[in-house]
Amino acid sequence: MNLDTLSKNKKLILGLILDAIGMIPLIDLVWAPASGYLMTKLYKGKSGKIAGVITFIEEALPFLDFIPTFTLMWLYTFVFSSEKESDETIIDIN
């Protein structure tokens, strides 16, 4: 399954689930690299890579597990970003 092609609603649901998994204590050593990788697969481009690094650091450091990085990235991508993703294809006919 290609994670970057999921609809925005499915990305939100998956992000909420992944944020909940990140709050489980004592799995940080395994979850930190996995969450960073998953973030880069959910969100392509420069912003996805930056979010992947931030997610990795947030999960690796103790006491920061409460930050919902997947949900914050969804908000950035679909609510606050000026680069809105579009499902429409524009065809220029001359």
C-alpha atoms as a PDB file:
ATOM      1  CA  MET A   1       0.000   0.000   0.000  1.00  0.00           C
ATOM      2  CA  ASN A   2       1.312   3.433  -0.966  1.00  0.00           C
ATOM      3  CA  LEU A   3       0.756   5.665   2.068  1.00  0.00           C
ATOM      4  CA  ASP A   4       1.165   8.996   0.277  1.00  0.00           C
ATOM      5  CA  THR A   5      -1.869   8.285  -1.944  1.00  0.00           C
ATOM      6  CA  LEU A   6      -4.311   7.860   0.955  1.00  0.00           C
ATOM      7  CA  SER A   7      -7.189  10.327   1.171  1.00  0.00           C
ATOM      8  CA  LYS A   8      -6.832  13.143   3.682  1.00  0.00           C
ATOM      9  CA  ASN A   9      -9.447  11.571   5.980  1.00  0.00           C
ATOM     10  CA  LYS A  10      -7.632   8.230   5.981  1.00  0.00           C
ATOM     11  CA  LYS A  11      -4.345  10.017   6.694  1.00  0.00           C
ATOM     12  CA  LEU A  12      -5.965  11.727   9.677  1.00  0.00           C
ATOM     13  CA  ILE A  13      -7.304   8.453  11.079  1.00  0.00           C
ATOM     14  CA  LEU A  14      -3.975   6.689  10.523  1.00  0.00           C
ATOM     15  CA  GLY A  15      -2.149   9.653  12.091  1.00  0.00           C
ATOM     16  CA  LEU A  16      -4.343   9.515  15.188  1.00  0.00           C
ATOM     17  CA  ILE A  17      -3.650   5.781  15.516  1.00  0.00           C
ATOM     18  CA  LEU A  18       0.108   6.289  15.065  1.00  0.00           C
ATOM     19  CA  ASP A  19       0.099   9.104  17.644  1.00  0.00           C
ATOM     20  CA  ALA A  20      -1.688   6.779  20.093  1.00  0.00           C
ATOM     21  CA  ILE A  21       0.910   4.044  19.494  1.00  0.00           C
ATOM     22  CA  GLY A  22       3.653   6.583  20.207  1.00  0.00           C
ATOM     23  CA  MET A  23       2.208   7.225  23.647  1.00  0.00           C
ATOM     24  CA  ILE A  24       2.787   3.615  24.759  1.00  0.00           C
ATOM     25  CA  PRO A  25       5.632   3.604  27.289  1.00  0.00           C
ATOM     26  CA  LEU A  26       8.847   1.600  26.806  1.00  0.00           C
ATOM     27  CA  ILE A  27       8.653   1.140  23.020  1.00  0.00           C
ATOM     28  CA  ASP A  28      10.611   4.283  22.149  1.00  0.00           C
ATOM     29  CA  LEU A  29      13.733   2.527  20.864  1.00  0.00           C
ATOM     30  CA  VAL A  30      11.698   0.639  18.277  1.00  0.00           C
ATOM     31  CA  TRP A  31       9.005   3.234  17.639  1.00  0.00           C
ATOM     32  CA  ALA A  32      11.242   6.291  17.071  1.00  0.00           C
ATOM     33  CA  PRO A  33      12.819   5.084  13.801  1.00  0.00           C
ATOM     34  CA  ALA A  34       9.591   3.431  12.663  1.00  0.00           C
ATOM     35  CA  SER A  35       7.563   6.597  13.206  1.00  0.00           C
ATOM     36  CA  GLY A  36      10.124   8.734  11.391  1.00  0.00           C
ATOM     37  CA  TYR A  37      10.031   6.353   8.430  1.00  0.00           C
ATOM     38  CA  LEU A  38       6.224   6.237   8.383  1.00  0.00           C
ATOM     39  CA  MET A  39       6.027  10.036   8.454  1.00  0.00           C
ATOM     40  CA  THR A  40       8.202  10.268   5.334  1.00  0.00           C
ATOM     41  CA  LYS A  41       5.970   7.726   3.598  1.00  0.00           C
ATOM     42  CA  LEU A  42       2.741   9.511   4.552  1.00  0.00           C
ATOM     43  CA  TYR A  43       3.940  12.960   3.464  1.00  0.00           C
ATOM     44  CA  LYS A  44       6.264  13.253   0.471  1.00  0.00           C
ATOM     45  CA  GLY A  45       8.739  16.005  -0.286  1.00  0.00           C
ATOM     46  CA  LYS A  46      10.792  18.293   1.874  1.00  0.00           C
ATOM     47  CA  SER A  47       8.088  18.809   4.503  1.00  0.00           C
ATOM     48  CA  GLY A  48       7.686  15.031   4.910  1.00  0.00           C
ATOM     49  CA  LYS A  49      11.418  14.572   5.423  1.00  0.00           C
ATOM     50  CA  ILE A  50      11.584  17.386   7.964  1.00  0.00           C
ATOM     51  CA  ALA A  51       8.537  15.991   9.782  1.00  0.00           C
ATOM     52  CA  GLY A  52      10.156  12.537   9.773  1.00  0.00           C
ATOM     53  CA  VAL A  53      13.242  13.888  11.534  1.00  0.00           C
ATOM     54  CA  ILE A  54      11.133  15.838  14.033  1.00  0.00           C
ATOM     55  CA  THR A  55       9.003  12.757  14.710  1.00  0.00           C
ATOM     56  CA  PHE A  56      12.088  10.613  15.253  1.00  0.00           C
ATOM     57  CA  ILE A  57      13.574  13.121  17.719  1.00  0.00           C
ATOM     58  CA  GLU A  58      10.250  13.610  19.521  1.00  0.00           C
ATOM     59  CA  GLU A  59       9.768   9.864  19.987  1.00  0.00           C
ATOM     60  CA  ALA A  60      13.398   9.210  20.937  1.00  0.00           C
ATOM     61  CA  LEU A  61      13.498  11.836  23.685  1.00  0.00           C
ATOM     62  CA  PRO A  62      11.817  10.924  26.952  1.00  0.00           C
ATOM     63  CA  PHE A  63       8.742  12.816  28.143  1.00  0.00           C
ATOM     64  CA  LEU A  64       7.837  14.191  24.688  1.00  0.00           C
ATOM     65  CA  ASP A  65       5.597  11.288  23.656  1.00  0.00           C
ATOM     66  CA  PHE A  66       2.466  13.327  24.313  1.00  0.00           C
ATOM     67  CA  ILE A  67       3.093  15.568  21.255  1.00  0.00           C
ATOM     68  CA  PRO A  68       0.810  14.383  18.409  1.00  0.00           C
ATOM     69  CA  THR A  69       3.284  14.893  15.555  1.00  0.00           C
ATOM     70  CA  PHE A  70       1.302  12.933  12.945  1.00  0.00           C
ATOM     71  CA  THR A  71      -1.828  14.956  13.700  1.00  0.00           C
ATOM     72  CA  LEU A  72       0.129  18.215  13.671  1.00  0.00           C
ATOM     73  CA  MET A  73       1.596  17.319  10.269  1.00  0.00           C
ATOM     74  CA  TRP A  74      -1.890  16.560   8.954  1.00  0.00           C
ATOM     75  CA  LEU A  75      -3.072  19.976  10.185  1.00  0.00           C
ATOM     76  CA  TYR A  76      -0.077  21.657   8.583  1.00  0.00           C
ATOM     77  CA  THR A  77      -0.618  19.863   5.267  1.00  0.00           C
ATOM     78  CA  PHE A  78      -4.391  20.117   4.918  1.00  0.00           C
ATOM     79  CA  VAL A  79      -5.387  23.168   6.991  1.00  0.00           C
ATOM     80  CA  PHE A  80      -2.548  25.668   7.362  1.00  0.00           C
ATOM     81  CA  SER A  81      -0.276  25.104   4.343  1.00  0.00           C
ATOM     82  CA  SER A  82      -0.608  27.438   1.381  1.00  0.00           C
ATOM     83  CA  GLU A  83       0.311  24.515  -0.898  1.00  0.00           C
ATOM     84  CA  LYS A  84      -3.039  22.726  -0.874  1.00  0.00           C
ATOM     85  CA  GLU A  85      -3.082  19.242  -2.340  1.00  0.00           C
ATOM     86  CA  SER A  86      -5.638  18.827  -5.054  1.00  0.00           C
ATOM     87  CA  ASP A  87      -7.376  15.718  -6.334  1.00  0.00           C
ATOM     88  CA  GLU A  88      -8.205  17.539  -9.553  1.00  0.00           C
ATOM     89  CA  THR A  89      -6.112  17.398 -12.682  1.00  0.00           C
ATOM     90  CA  ILE A  90      -6.089  20.497 -14.837  1.00  0.00           C
ATOM     91  CA  ILE A  91      -5.707  19.947 -18.554  1.00  0.00           C
ATOM     92  CA  ASP A  92      -4.786  22.977 -20.624  1.00  0.00           C
ATOM     93  CA  ILE A  93      -6.395  22.851 -24.046  1.00  0.00           C
ATOM     94  CA  ASN A  94      -5.104  25.377 -26.553  1.00  0.00           C
END
